[in-house]
N, C-alpha and C. Protein backbone atom coordinates (compact mmCIF):
# COMPACT_ATOMS: atom_id res chain seq x y z
N MET A 1 -51.91 28.42 -7.64
CA MET A 1 -52.95 29.15 -6.73
C MET A 1 -51.91 30.50 -6.28
N THR A 2 -52.48 32.06 -6.46
CA THR A 2 -51.62 33.10 -5.69
C THR A 2 -50.75 32.67 -4.86
N LYS A 3 -49.43 33.49 -4.87
CA LYS A 3 -48.99 33.24 -3.60
C LYS A 3 -48.33 34.60 -3.37
N ILE A 4 -48.84 35.14 -2.12
CA ILE A 4 -48.81 36.58 -1.69
C ILE A 4 -47.49 36.43 -0.32
N LEU A 5 -46.78 37.29 -0.70
CA LEU A 5 -45.54 37.45 0.71
C LEU A 5 -46.15 38.32 1.43
N LEU A 6 -46.33 38.27 2.83
CA LEU A 6 -47.03 39.61 3.95
C LEU A 6 -45.72 39.56 4.60
N ILE A 7 -45.02 41.23 4.65
CA ILE A 7 -44.44 41.57 5.29
C ILE A 7 -44.83 42.63 6.37
N GLU A 8 -45.17 41.96 7.86
CA GLU A 8 -45.21 42.98 8.26
C GLU A 8 -44.86 42.06 10.07
N ASP A 9 -44.78 42.58 10.96
CA ASP A 9 -44.15 43.05 12.21
C ASP A 9 -44.81 42.58 13.50
N ASP A 10 -46.08 43.75 13.09
CA ASP A 10 -47.05 44.21 14.25
C ASP A 10 -47.67 42.03 14.03
N SER A 11 -47.69 41.36 15.41
CA SER A 11 -48.24 40.15 15.50
C SER A 11 -49.84 40.03 15.23
N SER A 12 -50.08 41.18 15.74
CA SER A 12 -51.98 40.76 15.43
C SER A 12 -52.48 41.19 13.97
N LEU A 13 -51.71 42.20 13.81
CA LEU A 13 -52.11 42.85 12.19
C LEU A 13 -51.85 41.06 11.32
N GLY A 14 -51.00 40.97 11.41
CA GLY A 14 -50.19 40.19 10.91
C GLY A 14 -51.27 38.68 10.55
N ALA A 15 -51.67 38.06 11.50
CA ALA A 15 -51.94 37.30 11.75
C ALA A 15 -53.33 37.73 11.13
N THR A 16 -54.22 38.75 11.42
CA THR A 16 -55.41 38.72 10.47
C THR A 16 -55.39 39.28 9.54
N LEU A 17 -54.37 39.56 8.59
CA LEU A 17 -54.52 39.77 7.27
C LEU A 17 -53.97 38.02 6.51
N ARG A 18 -53.24 37.28 7.27
CA ARG A 18 -52.86 36.37 6.94
C ARG A 18 -54.26 35.67 6.61
N ASP A 19 -55.00 35.35 8.09
CA ASP A 19 -56.00 34.56 8.11
C ASP A 19 -57.48 34.66 6.88
N ARG A 20 -57.51 36.15 7.11
CA ARG A 20 -58.41 36.69 5.55
C ARG A 20 -58.02 36.60 4.56
N LEU A 21 -56.42 36.31 3.91
CA LEU A 21 -56.32 36.39 3.02
C LEU A 21 -56.27 35.09 2.60
N GLN A 22 -55.86 34.43 2.98
CA GLN A 22 -56.21 32.84 3.35
C GLN A 22 -57.43 32.02 3.03
N LYS A 23 -58.06 33.00 3.67
CA LYS A 23 -59.78 32.59 3.28
C LYS A 23 -60.33 32.99 1.89
N GLU A 24 -59.71 34.14 1.20
CA GLU A 24 -59.93 34.55 0.60
C GLU A 24 -59.49 33.00 -0.95
N GLY A 25 -58.72 32.66 -0.78
CA GLY A 25 -57.81 31.61 -0.88
C GLY A 25 -56.61 32.00 -1.94
N TYR A 26 -55.95 32.76 -1.04
CA TYR A 26 -54.25 33.15 -1.42
C TYR A 26 -53.65 31.76 -0.16
N GLU A 27 -52.52 32.13 -1.55
CA GLU A 27 -51.37 31.42 -0.26
C GLU A 27 -50.26 32.19 0.13
N VAL A 28 -50.37 32.30 1.45
CA VAL A 28 -50.07 32.98 2.14
C VAL A 28 -48.51 32.96 2.99
N VAL A 29 -47.45 33.87 2.69
CA VAL A 29 -46.40 33.34 3.62
C VAL A 29 -46.38 34.68 4.73
N TRP A 30 -46.10 34.43 5.62
CA TRP A 30 -45.96 36.11 6.28
C TRP A 30 -44.80 35.76 7.42
N THR A 31 -43.84 37.12 6.86
CA THR A 31 -42.74 37.27 7.47
C THR A 31 -42.50 38.90 8.29
N ARG A 32 -41.70 39.07 8.83
CA ARG A 32 -41.97 39.80 10.47
C ARG A 32 -40.14 41.49 9.74
N THR A 33 -39.47 40.41 9.47
CA THR A 33 -38.54 41.03 9.40
C THR A 33 -37.87 41.01 7.78
N VAL A 34 -36.98 42.06 7.80
CA VAL A 34 -35.91 42.25 6.29
C VAL A 34 -35.22 40.70 5.81
N LYS A 35 -34.60 39.87 7.28
CA LYS A 35 -33.90 39.13 6.56
C LYS A 35 -34.70 37.72 6.58
N ALA A 36 -35.82 37.78 7.26
CA ALA A 36 -37.11 36.32 6.99
C ALA A 36 -37.33 36.67 5.32
N SER A 37 -37.50 38.13 5.34
CA SER A 37 -38.24 37.90 3.98
C SER A 37 -37.70 37.62 2.40
N LYS A 38 -36.65 38.11 3.15
CA LYS A 38 -34.75 37.56 1.88
C LYS A 38 -35.41 36.40 1.46
N GLU A 39 -35.14 35.41 3.13
CA GLU A 39 -34.54 33.96 2.83
C GLU A 39 -36.09 33.38 2.13
N ALA A 40 -36.91 33.81 2.52
CA ALA A 40 -38.43 33.46 1.88
C ALA A 40 -38.80 33.68 0.09
N VAL A 41 -37.57 34.51 -0.28
CA VAL A 41 -37.98 34.68 -1.60
C VAL A 41 -36.90 33.69 -2.09
N ASP A 42 -35.57 33.46 -1.57
CA ASP A 42 -34.96 32.76 -1.68
C ASP A 42 -35.55 30.89 -2.00
N LYS A 43 -36.35 30.54 -1.15
CA LYS A 43 -37.36 30.08 -1.40
C LYS A 43 -38.33 29.17 -1.92
N SER A 44 -39.17 30.35 -2.66
CA SER A 44 -40.04 30.53 -3.61
C SER A 44 -40.25 31.30 -3.99
N GLU A 45 -41.42 31.66 -5.62
CA GLU A 45 -41.60 32.58 -5.88
C GLU A 45 -43.42 33.04 -6.06
N PHE A 46 -42.93 34.21 -5.64
CA PHE A 46 -44.69 34.71 -4.94
C PHE A 46 -45.27 35.60 -6.39
N ASP A 47 -46.42 36.09 -6.38
CA ASP A 47 -47.08 36.84 -7.03
C ASP A 47 -47.28 38.01 -7.04
N LEU A 48 -46.87 38.37 -5.56
CA LEU A 48 -47.61 39.67 -4.99
C LEU A 48 -46.88 40.10 -3.57
N TYR A 49 -45.90 41.12 -3.14
CA TYR A 49 -45.56 41.20 -2.18
C TYR A 49 -46.34 42.59 -1.23
N LEU A 50 -46.45 42.37 0.04
CA LEU A 50 -47.34 43.32 1.14
C LEU A 50 -46.25 43.45 1.81
N PHE A 51 -46.03 44.99 2.05
CA PHE A 51 -44.86 45.93 2.43
C PHE A 51 -45.16 46.79 3.64
N ASP A 52 -44.89 46.28 4.79
CA ASP A 52 -44.97 47.36 5.88
C ASP A 52 -43.58 48.33 5.84
N VAL A 53 -43.25 49.45 6.03
CA VAL A 53 -42.30 50.35 5.83
C VAL A 53 -41.47 50.13 7.13
N GLY A 54 -41.96 50.33 8.34
CA GLY A 54 -40.96 50.28 9.41
C GLY A 54 -40.83 48.44 10.14
N LEU A 55 -39.61 48.38 9.29
CA LEU A 55 -39.51 46.53 10.42
C LEU A 55 -38.48 46.40 11.27
N PRO A 56 -38.27 45.80 12.08
CA PRO A 56 -36.99 45.72 13.32
C PRO A 56 -35.63 45.67 12.66
N ASP A 57 -35.87 45.66 11.35
CA ASP A 57 -33.59 45.31 10.85
C ASP A 57 -33.52 46.16 9.48
N GLY A 58 -35.18 47.20 9.31
CA GLY A 58 -34.78 47.67 7.89
C GLY A 58 -35.54 48.17 7.82
N ASP A 59 -35.90 49.16 6.41
CA ASP A 59 -37.69 49.55 6.29
C ASP A 59 -38.03 48.43 4.59
N GLY A 60 -38.75 48.74 4.46
CA GLY A 60 -39.94 48.30 3.29
C GLY A 60 -39.62 48.99 2.42
N PHE A 61 -39.08 50.00 2.12
CA PHE A 61 -38.39 50.74 0.74
C PHE A 61 -37.15 50.10 0.75
N GLU A 62 -36.42 50.02 1.11
CA GLU A 62 -35.15 49.37 0.59
C GLU A 62 -35.70 47.72 0.03
N LEU A 63 -36.33 47.71 1.33
CA LEU A 63 -36.62 45.88 0.74
C LEU A 63 -37.72 45.82 -0.69
N ALA A 64 -37.99 46.62 -1.04
CA ALA A 64 -39.01 46.42 -2.01
C ALA A 64 -37.84 46.56 -3.26
N GLN A 65 -36.91 47.60 -2.93
CA GLN A 65 -35.90 47.76 -4.04
C GLN A 65 -35.03 46.36 -4.26
N ALA A 66 -34.93 46.03 -3.01
CA ALA A 66 -33.83 44.30 -3.33
C ALA A 66 -34.19 43.05 -3.23
N LEU A 67 -35.60 42.73 -3.38
CA LEU A 67 -36.41 41.39 -4.13
C LEU A 67 -36.38 41.54 -5.27
N PRO A 68 -36.79 40.32 -5.68
CA PRO A 68 -37.18 40.10 -7.16
C PRO A 68 -38.34 41.21 -7.55
N LYS A 69 -38.33 41.70 -8.68
CA LYS A 69 -39.49 42.41 -9.61
C LYS A 69 -41.01 42.00 -9.50
N LYS A 70 -41.67 42.33 -8.86
CA LYS A 70 -42.67 41.60 -8.85
C LYS A 70 -43.85 42.82 -8.18
N PRO A 71 -45.04 42.53 -8.64
CA PRO A 71 -46.29 43.81 -7.85
C PRO A 71 -45.83 43.97 -6.60
N PHE A 72 -46.17 45.12 -5.42
CA PHE A 72 -46.12 45.52 -4.84
C PHE A 72 -46.76 46.53 -3.96
N ILE A 73 -47.52 46.31 -2.79
CA ILE A 73 -48.30 47.23 -1.93
C ILE A 73 -47.66 47.50 -1.15
N PHE A 74 -47.92 48.50 -0.10
CA PHE A 74 -47.42 49.28 1.26
C PHE A 74 -48.53 49.11 1.79
N LEU A 75 -48.61 48.91 2.46
CA LEU A 75 -49.29 48.98 4.01
C LEU A 75 -48.42 49.77 5.19
N THR A 76 -48.59 50.81 5.61
CA THR A 76 -47.79 51.50 6.32
C THR A 76 -48.50 52.53 7.17
N ALA A 77 -48.37 52.65 8.37
CA ALA A 77 -48.27 53.57 9.42
C ALA A 77 -47.89 55.18 8.55
N GLN A 78 -46.68 54.97 7.88
CA GLN A 78 -46.30 56.29 7.38
C GLN A 78 -46.95 56.72 6.41
N GLY A 79 -47.75 57.27 6.62
CA GLY A 79 -48.80 57.92 5.43
C GLY A 79 -48.78 59.58 4.88
N ASP A 80 -47.48 59.98 4.84
CA ASP A 80 -47.15 61.20 4.73
C ASP A 80 -47.06 61.65 3.53
N ALA A 81 -47.51 62.70 3.11
CA ALA A 81 -47.00 62.89 1.64
C ALA A 81 -45.85 62.56 0.93
N GLU A 82 -44.66 62.91 1.64
CA GLU A 82 -43.34 62.01 1.39
C GLU A 82 -43.13 60.75 1.03
N SER A 83 -43.87 60.31 1.92
CA SER A 83 -43.94 58.52 2.19
C SER A 83 -44.19 58.41 0.76
N ARG A 84 -45.45 58.79 0.80
CA ARG A 84 -46.65 57.54 -0.26
C ARG A 84 -45.90 58.29 -1.12
N LEU A 85 -45.41 59.42 -1.88
CA LEU A 85 -44.39 59.91 -3.22
C LEU A 85 -43.42 58.83 -3.38
N LYS A 86 -42.28 58.62 -2.47
CA LYS A 86 -40.83 57.80 -2.18
C LYS A 86 -42.07 56.11 -2.44
N GLY A 87 -43.27 56.17 -2.18
CA GLY A 87 -43.07 54.74 -2.10
C GLY A 87 -43.74 53.99 -3.66
N TYR A 88 -44.53 55.15 -4.04
CA TYR A 88 -45.02 55.16 -5.85
C TYR A 88 -43.88 55.27 -6.22
N ASP A 89 -42.91 56.09 -6.09
CA ASP A 89 -41.11 56.68 -6.94
C ASP A 89 -40.60 54.69 -7.19
N LEU A 90 -40.90 54.34 -6.21
CA LEU A 90 -40.08 52.78 -6.71
C LEU A 90 -40.91 51.61 -7.12
N GLY A 91 -42.55 51.92 -7.52
CA GLY A 91 -43.20 51.38 -8.34
C GLY A 91 -44.32 50.50 -7.73
N ALA A 92 -44.25 50.97 -6.42
CA ALA A 92 -46.03 50.59 -5.68
C ALA A 92 -46.85 50.85 -6.04
N GLU A 93 -47.59 49.62 -6.62
CA GLU A 93 -48.87 49.38 -7.19
C GLU A 93 -49.96 50.04 -6.37
N GLU A 94 -50.43 50.15 -5.05
CA GLU A 94 -51.00 50.83 -4.14
C GLU A 94 -50.13 51.49 -2.54
N TYR A 95 -50.65 52.38 -2.37
CA TYR A 95 -49.87 52.42 -1.01
C TYR A 95 -50.90 53.25 0.00
N ILE A 96 -51.40 52.10 0.87
CA ILE A 96 -52.40 51.94 1.79
C ILE A 96 -51.83 52.38 2.89
N PRO A 97 -52.45 53.92 3.85
CA PRO A 97 -51.75 53.82 5.20
C PRO A 97 -52.91 53.33 6.17
N LYS A 98 -52.07 52.95 6.97
CA LYS A 98 -52.68 52.13 8.53
C LYS A 98 -53.34 53.74 9.06
N PRO A 99 -54.29 53.50 10.06
CA PRO A 99 -55.23 51.98 10.27
C PRO A 99 -56.33 52.08 8.71
N PHE A 100 -56.46 51.04 8.41
CA PHE A 100 -57.10 50.32 7.16
C PHE A 100 -58.24 49.76 7.14
N HIS A 101 -59.22 49.87 6.05
CA HIS A 101 -60.75 48.96 5.98
C HIS A 101 -60.17 47.55 5.52
N LEU A 102 -60.30 46.62 6.22
CA LEU A 102 -59.76 45.67 5.61
C LEU A 102 -60.60 45.14 4.51
N ARG A 103 -61.58 45.48 4.02
CA ARG A 103 -62.15 44.89 3.34
C ARG A 103 -61.64 45.81 1.64
N GLU A 104 -61.80 46.86 1.99
CA GLU A 104 -60.38 47.83 0.45
C GLU A 104 -59.64 47.02 0.28
N VAL A 105 -58.17 46.68 1.75
CA VAL A 105 -57.01 46.31 0.91
C VAL A 105 -57.60 44.47 0.29
N LEU A 106 -58.96 44.03 0.49
CA LEU A 106 -58.78 43.14 -0.54
C LEU A 106 -59.03 43.28 -1.98
N LEU A 107 -60.03 44.57 -1.68
CA LEU A 107 -60.27 44.85 -3.01
C LEU A 107 -59.05 45.49 -4.19
N ARG A 108 -58.55 46.30 -3.16
CA ARG A 108 -57.35 46.85 -3.79
C ARG A 108 -55.94 45.89 -4.25
N ILE A 109 -55.99 44.38 -3.62
CA ILE A 109 -55.19 43.34 -3.77
C ILE A 109 -55.80 42.46 -5.26
N ARG A 110 -57.29 42.25 -5.49
CA ARG A 110 -57.86 41.57 -6.42
C ARG A 110 -57.58 42.28 -7.87
N HIS A 111 -57.48 44.05 -7.26
CA HIS A 111 -57.21 44.08 -8.72
C HIS A 111 -55.97 44.33 -9.01
N VAL A 112 -54.67 44.69 -8.46
CA VAL A 112 -53.56 44.29 -8.85
C VAL A 112 -53.15 42.92 -9.42
N LEU A 113 -53.88 42.10 -8.92
CA LEU A 113 -53.33 41.02 -9.45
C LEU A 113 -54.22 40.82 -10.84
N ASP A 114 -55.14 41.47 -10.82
CA ASP A 114 -56.07 41.19 -12.31
C ASP A 114 -55.35 41.79 -13.17
N ASN A 115 -54.69 42.91 -12.78
CA ASN A 115 -53.56 43.89 -13.99
C ASN A 115 -52.60 43.11 -14.36
N HIS A 116 -52.04 42.12 -13.40
CA HIS A 116 -50.68 41.56 -13.97
C HIS A 116 -51.12 40.16 -14.34
N MET A 117 -52.42 39.67 -14.46
CA MET A 117 -52.43 38.29 -15.20
C MET A 117 -52.51 38.29 -16.58
N PRO A 118 -51.12 37.15 -17.09
CA PRO A 118 -50.41 36.80 -18.09
C PRO A 118 -52.06 36.68 -19.08
N VAL A 119 -51.58 37.53 -19.81
CA VAL A 119 -53.07 37.75 -21.12
C VAL A 119 -52.44 36.51 -22.13
N PRO A 120 -53.04 35.44 -22.51
CA PRO A 120 -52.80 34.57 -23.70
C PRO A 120 -52.32 35.44 -24.85
N GLY A 121 -52.42 34.65 -25.80
CA GLY A 121 -51.86 35.00 -26.69
C GLY A 121 -53.70 34.79 -27.90
N LEU A 122 -53.68 35.43 -29.30
CA LEU A 122 -55.25 35.40 -29.68
C LEU A 122 -54.56 34.65 -31.02
N GLU A 123 -55.79 34.17 -30.99
CA GLU A 123 -56.05 33.14 -32.35
C GLU A 123 -57.07 33.11 -32.73
N ILE A 124 -57.41 33.89 -33.81
CA ILE A 124 -58.91 33.36 -34.38
C ILE A 124 -58.66 33.24 -36.21
N GLY A 125 -58.92 32.30 -36.43
CA GLY A 125 -58.86 31.88 -38.04
C GLY A 125 -57.03 31.36 -38.47
N GLU A 126 -56.87 32.60 -39.47
CA GLU A 126 -55.51 32.81 -39.56
C GLU A 126 -54.64 33.54 -39.08
N ILE A 127 -55.09 34.01 -38.33
CA ILE A 127 -54.72 35.54 -37.12
C ILE A 127 -53.88 34.66 -35.91
N LYS A 128 -52.88 34.93 -36.09
CA LYS A 128 -51.94 34.84 -34.76
C LYS A 128 -51.57 36.15 -33.61
N VAL A 129 -52.18 36.67 -32.78
CA VAL A 129 -50.95 37.58 -32.18
C VAL A 129 -50.56 37.25 -30.48
N ASN A 130 -48.84 37.09 -30.72
CA ASN A 130 -48.22 37.16 -29.85
C ASN A 130 -48.10 38.34 -29.02
N PHE A 131 -48.60 38.13 -27.90
CA PHE A 131 -48.87 39.64 -26.90
C PHE A 131 -47.81 39.71 -25.91
N ASP A 132 -46.69 38.52 -25.55
CA ASP A 132 -45.25 38.34 -24.98
C ASP A 132 -44.37 39.23 -25.53
N SER A 133 -44.62 39.31 -27.31
CA SER A 133 -43.36 39.68 -27.88
C SER A 133 -44.03 40.66 -28.64
N PHE A 134 -45.49 40.89 -28.84
CA PHE A 134 -46.07 41.84 -30.07
C PHE A 134 -45.95 41.62 -31.35
N GLU A 135 -45.89 40.48 -31.78
CA GLU A 135 -45.96 40.35 -33.25
C GLU A 135 -47.39 39.59 -33.97
N PHE A 136 -47.52 40.18 -35.01
CA PHE A 136 -48.72 39.63 -35.06
C PHE A 136 -48.59 38.57 -36.36
N TYR A 137 -48.91 37.57 -37.22
CA TYR A 137 -49.20 36.50 -37.69
C TYR A 137 -50.09 36.37 -38.27
N ARG A 138 -50.32 36.27 -40.14
CA ARG A 138 -51.44 35.69 -41.21
C ARG A 138 -50.90 34.50 -41.48
N ASP A 139 -51.25 33.39 -41.43
CA ASP A 139 -50.94 32.27 -42.09
C ASP A 139 -50.09 31.95 -41.59
N GLY A 140 -49.12 32.18 -41.04
CA GLY A 140 -47.71 31.50 -40.37
C GLY A 140 -46.75 33.00 -40.89
N ALA A 141 -47.22 33.95 -41.10
CA ALA A 141 -46.58 34.96 -41.76
C ALA A 141 -46.70 36.59 -41.06
N LYS A 142 -45.12 36.69 -40.57
CA LYS A 142 -45.22 37.57 -39.49
C LYS A 142 -45.53 39.11 -40.34
N GLU A 143 -46.26 39.98 -39.70
CA GLU A 143 -46.82 41.19 -40.45
C GLU A 143 -46.98 42.45 -39.85
N PRO A 144 -45.96 43.64 -40.22
CA PRO A 144 -45.48 44.77 -39.53
C PRO A 144 -46.71 45.46 -38.84
N ILE A 145 -46.98 44.78 -38.06
CA ILE A 145 -48.17 46.14 -37.05
C ILE A 145 -47.95 46.59 -36.22
N ALA A 146 -48.09 48.14 -36.06
CA ALA A 146 -47.24 49.38 -34.76
C ALA A 146 -47.56 48.39 -33.52
N VAL A 147 -46.37 48.32 -32.60
CA VAL A 147 -46.69 47.54 -31.39
C VAL A 147 -47.12 48.59 -30.81
N LYS A 148 -47.65 49.66 -30.66
CA LYS A 148 -49.00 50.50 -29.80
C LYS A 148 -50.09 50.26 -30.55
N ASP A 149 -50.13 49.75 -31.64
CA ASP A 149 -51.64 48.94 -31.87
C ASP A 149 -51.91 47.79 -31.40
N LEU A 150 -51.17 47.58 -31.56
CA LEU A 150 -51.13 45.85 -30.20
C LEU A 150 -51.35 46.25 -29.11
N LEU A 151 -50.97 46.88 -28.26
CA LEU A 151 -51.05 47.09 -27.05
C LEU A 151 -51.89 47.34 -26.87
N LEU A 152 -53.03 48.27 -27.67
CA LEU A 152 -54.33 48.50 -27.83
C LEU A 152 -55.46 47.42 -27.65
N LEU A 153 -55.27 46.48 -28.39
CA LEU A 153 -55.60 44.97 -28.83
C LEU A 153 -55.44 44.47 -27.48
N LYS A 154 -54.20 44.47 -27.31
CA LYS A 154 -53.99 43.50 -25.67
C LYS A 154 -55.12 44.43 -24.76
N LEU A 155 -55.11 45.85 -24.35
CA LEU A 155 -56.04 46.07 -23.64
C LEU A 155 -57.73 45.59 -23.83
N LEU A 156 -57.88 46.14 -25.01
CA LEU A 156 -59.28 45.67 -25.12
C LEU A 156 -59.47 44.54 -24.90
N VAL A 157 -58.76 42.96 -25.07
CA VAL A 157 -59.17 41.67 -24.82
C VAL A 157 -58.78 41.60 -23.51
N THR A 158 -58.32 42.41 -22.93
CA THR A 158 -57.77 42.05 -21.36
C THR A 158 -59.24 42.51 -20.68
N LYS A 159 -59.41 43.67 -20.96
CA LYS A 159 -60.95 43.96 -19.80
C LYS A 159 -62.00 43.09 -21.08
N SER A 160 -61.85 42.52 -21.67
CA SER A 160 -63.35 42.48 -21.84
C SER A 160 -63.81 40.93 -21.20
N PRO A 161 -65.34 41.41 -20.88
CA PRO A 161 -66.45 42.02 -21.90
C PRO A 161 -66.93 43.69 -21.61
N ASN A 162 -65.42 43.56 -20.28
CA ASN A 162 -66.12 45.29 -19.80
C ASN A 162 -65.60 46.14 -21.16
N ALA A 163 -65.47 47.45 -21.74
CA ALA A 163 -65.64 48.19 -22.72
C ALA A 163 -64.13 49.02 -22.15
N VAL A 164 -63.36 49.30 -23.21
CA VAL A 164 -62.16 50.25 -22.17
C VAL A 164 -62.96 52.19 -23.33
N THR A 165 -62.56 52.82 -21.84
CA THR A 165 -62.98 54.20 -22.39
C THR A 165 -61.84 55.08 -23.20
N ARG A 166 -61.82 55.81 -24.14
CA ARG A 166 -61.46 56.60 -25.02
C ARG A 166 -59.77 56.87 -24.40
N ASP A 167 -60.11 57.25 -22.82
CA ASP A 167 -59.05 58.15 -21.90
C ASP A 167 -57.66 57.01 -22.00
N GLU A 168 -58.66 55.67 -21.77
CA GLU A 168 -57.73 54.20 -21.37
C GLU A 168 -56.96 53.90 -22.31
N ALA A 169 -57.84 53.96 -23.77
CA ALA A 169 -56.71 53.67 -25.16
C ALA A 169 -55.98 54.42 -25.06
N LEU A 170 -56.41 56.22 -25.14
CA LEU A 170 -55.05 57.15 -25.31
C LEU A 170 -53.65 57.22 -24.67
N GLY A 171 -53.89 56.83 -23.20
CA GLY A 171 -53.03 56.42 -22.44
C GLY A 171 -52.26 55.40 -23.24
N CYS A 172 -52.69 54.21 -23.26
CA CYS A 172 -51.85 52.65 -24.01
C CYS A 172 -51.52 53.45 -25.34
N ILE A 173 -51.61 54.68 -25.88
CA ILE A 173 -50.98 54.43 -27.65
C ILE A 173 -50.53 55.85 -27.36
N ARG A 174 -50.46 56.77 -27.06
CA ARG A 174 -50.46 57.76 -27.41
C ARG A 174 -48.94 57.47 -27.91
N GLY A 175 -47.76 57.08 -27.33
CA GLY A 175 -46.54 57.02 -27.81
C GLY A 175 -45.86 58.29 -27.94
N ASP A 176 -45.35 58.78 -29.29
CA ASP A 176 -44.56 59.53 -30.11
C ASP A 176 -45.34 60.66 -30.50
N ASP A 177 -46.94 60.83 -30.13
CA ASP A 177 -47.84 61.74 -31.01
C ASP A 177 -47.99 63.11 -30.10
N LYS A 178 -47.73 63.88 -30.62
CA LYS A 178 -47.09 65.12 -30.30
C LYS A 178 -48.58 65.46 -29.59
N PHE A 179 -49.44 65.31 -30.54
CA PHE A 179 -51.21 65.90 -29.86
C PHE A 179 -51.96 64.92 -30.05
N PRO A 180 -52.30 64.19 -29.28
CA PRO A 180 -53.20 62.54 -29.44
C PRO A 180 -54.28 63.52 -28.58
N SER A 181 -55.78 62.41 -29.62
CA SER A 181 -57.04 62.97 -29.38
C SER A 181 -57.49 61.77 -29.67
N ASN A 182 -59.03 62.15 -29.52
CA ASN A 182 -59.72 60.87 -29.92
C ASN A 182 -59.59 59.85 -30.97
N ARG A 183 -58.89 61.00 -32.19
CA ARG A 183 -58.62 60.64 -33.73
C ARG A 183 -57.58 59.44 -33.48
N THR A 184 -56.85 59.71 -32.40
CA THR A 184 -55.90 59.23 -32.43
C THR A 184 -56.23 57.37 -31.60
N VAL A 185 -57.01 57.81 -31.41
CA VAL A 185 -57.78 56.18 -30.88
C VAL A 185 -58.60 55.57 -32.24
N ASP A 186 -59.05 56.15 -32.78
CA ASP A 186 -60.24 56.12 -33.81
C ASP A 186 -59.07 55.27 -35.07
N ASN A 187 -58.32 56.20 -35.67
CA ASN A 187 -57.42 55.60 -36.18
C ASN A 187 -56.74 54.35 -36.15
N ALA A 188 -56.35 53.88 -34.41
CA ALA A 188 -55.58 52.72 -34.01
C ALA A 188 -56.51 51.58 -34.38
N ILE A 189 -58.04 51.57 -33.87
CA ILE A 189 -58.89 51.12 -33.94
C ILE A 189 -59.32 50.63 -35.37
N LEU A 190 -59.07 51.38 -36.43
CA LEU A 190 -59.41 51.60 -37.86
C LEU A 190 -58.43 50.15 -38.65
N ARG A 191 -56.96 50.40 -38.29
CA ARG A 191 -55.87 49.70 -38.19
C ARG A 191 -56.31 48.23 -38.19
N LEU A 192 -56.36 48.24 -36.38
CA LEU A 192 -56.66 47.07 -35.89
C LEU A 192 -57.60 46.25 -36.55
N ARG A 193 -59.19 46.84 -36.89
CA ARG A 193 -60.02 46.19 -37.49
C ARG A 193 -60.01 45.83 -38.90
N SER A 194 -58.70 46.41 -39.64
CA SER A 194 -58.60 45.69 -41.28
C SER A 194 -57.53 44.94 -40.78
N ALA A 195 -56.61 45.03 -39.88
CA ALA A 195 -55.87 44.03 -40.10
C ALA A 195 -56.12 42.74 -39.41
N LEU A 196 -57.76 42.68 -38.83
CA LEU A 196 -57.76 41.56 -38.26
C LEU A 196 -58.95 40.70 -38.92
N GLY A 197 -58.90 41.64 -40.38
CA GLY A 197 -59.88 40.89 -41.19
C GLY A 197 -61.10 40.89 -40.90
N ASP A 198 -61.73 39.75 -41.05
CA ASP A 198 -62.77 39.20 -40.46
C ASP A 198 -63.29 39.17 -39.86
N ALA A 199 -62.57 39.28 -38.07
CA ALA A 199 -62.75 39.08 -37.17
C ALA A 199 -62.65 40.52 -36.87
N GLY A 200 -62.48 41.76 -36.91
CA GLY A 200 -62.53 43.14 -37.08
C GLY A 200 -63.93 43.73 -36.55
N PRO A 201 -65.11 43.02 -37.35
CA PRO A 201 -65.90 43.47 -36.25
C PRO A 201 -65.93 43.03 -34.48
N ARG A 202 -65.27 42.54 -34.09
CA ARG A 202 -65.41 41.68 -32.86
C ARG A 202 -64.87 43.21 -31.66
N ILE A 203 -64.28 44.15 -32.51
CA ILE A 203 -64.00 45.18 -32.09
C ILE A 203 -65.18 46.19 -32.14
N GLU A 204 -65.98 46.32 -30.87
CA GLU A 204 -67.22 46.60 -31.05
C GLU A 204 -66.85 48.49 -30.46
N SER A 205 -67.89 49.28 -30.88
CA SER A 205 -67.81 50.65 -31.00
C SER A 205 -68.99 50.97 -29.87
N VAL A 206 -68.82 51.38 -28.31
CA VAL A 206 -69.62 51.52 -27.63
C VAL A 206 -70.12 53.29 -27.18
N ARG A 207 -70.63 53.38 -27.73
CA ARG A 207 -71.34 54.65 -27.91
C ARG A 207 -71.37 55.15 -26.54
N GLY A 208 -70.76 56.79 -26.28
CA GLY A 208 -70.45 57.44 -25.29
C GLY A 208 -69.40 57.07 -24.37
N VAL A 209 -68.61 55.70 -24.88
CA VAL A 209 -67.84 55.07 -23.75
C VAL A 209 -66.43 55.24 -24.65
N GLY A 210 -66.50 54.20 -25.64
CA GLY A 210 -65.23 53.58 -25.84
C GLY A 210 -64.96 52.44 -26.99
N TYR A 211 -64.62 51.21 -27.08
CA TYR A 211 -64.48 50.07 -27.66
C TYR A 211 -64.69 49.41 -27.05
N ARG A 212 -65.11 47.90 -27.01
CA ARG A 212 -64.97 46.87 -26.52
C ARG A 212 -64.80 45.65 -27.25
N TRP A 213 -64.34 44.62 -26.79
CA TRP A 213 -63.73 43.21 -27.57
C TRP A 213 -64.87 42.22 -27.18
N ARG A 214 -65.45 41.86 -28.81
CA ARG A 214 -66.43 40.59 -28.63
C ARG A 214 -65.53 39.27 -27.99
N LYS A 215 -65.76 38.63 -27.23
CA LYS A 215 -64.78 37.41 -27.58
C LYS A 215 -65.80 36.24 -28.24
N ASP A 216 -67.01 36.31 -28.62
CA ASP A 216 -67.17 35.34 -29.67
C ASP A 216 -68.30 35.89 -30.55
């Protein structure tokens, strides 16, 4: 079960968020202070943090830097541009100013968690791909495939059955290319199809959109 650390000192809002998140199937630990939050992470591991910024014994910005690295979202009344930029600079996945629509928060939480779901390795016939180490094997022998190409393959597999747009693909593989273009994406797809051999056709072209990984 996905476990969320909710850090909110407002009793009414904290209870509402906790109850709604639990109804959505999440396990929730609710803390109201910096001290209690640090104690919570000492006792358990979490998949996501929801931070308020203004806390009785400190602020969420400093706490975000102190806790073990996990995806996190700020839910705060400090909605000015400077605060938002600071939040994103610290690595926040989302910065949601109060007051907010609860449904929007739930959708953004789901989106963040989906983006951080571990992607299992790929195994098709004699082909094996390790997406943790970005290694490509054929019949047990490691082959030199560019990491940026395997990043694109991972993106395709992760988003399947949805298509990956050319812009998404370009953002994934641009690397050191000084003049990235649609041709950069097409060339990466050609290399992947060639490396995958008989499984290459699983990377389908989607007219006017980009490419899609066909699972079967």
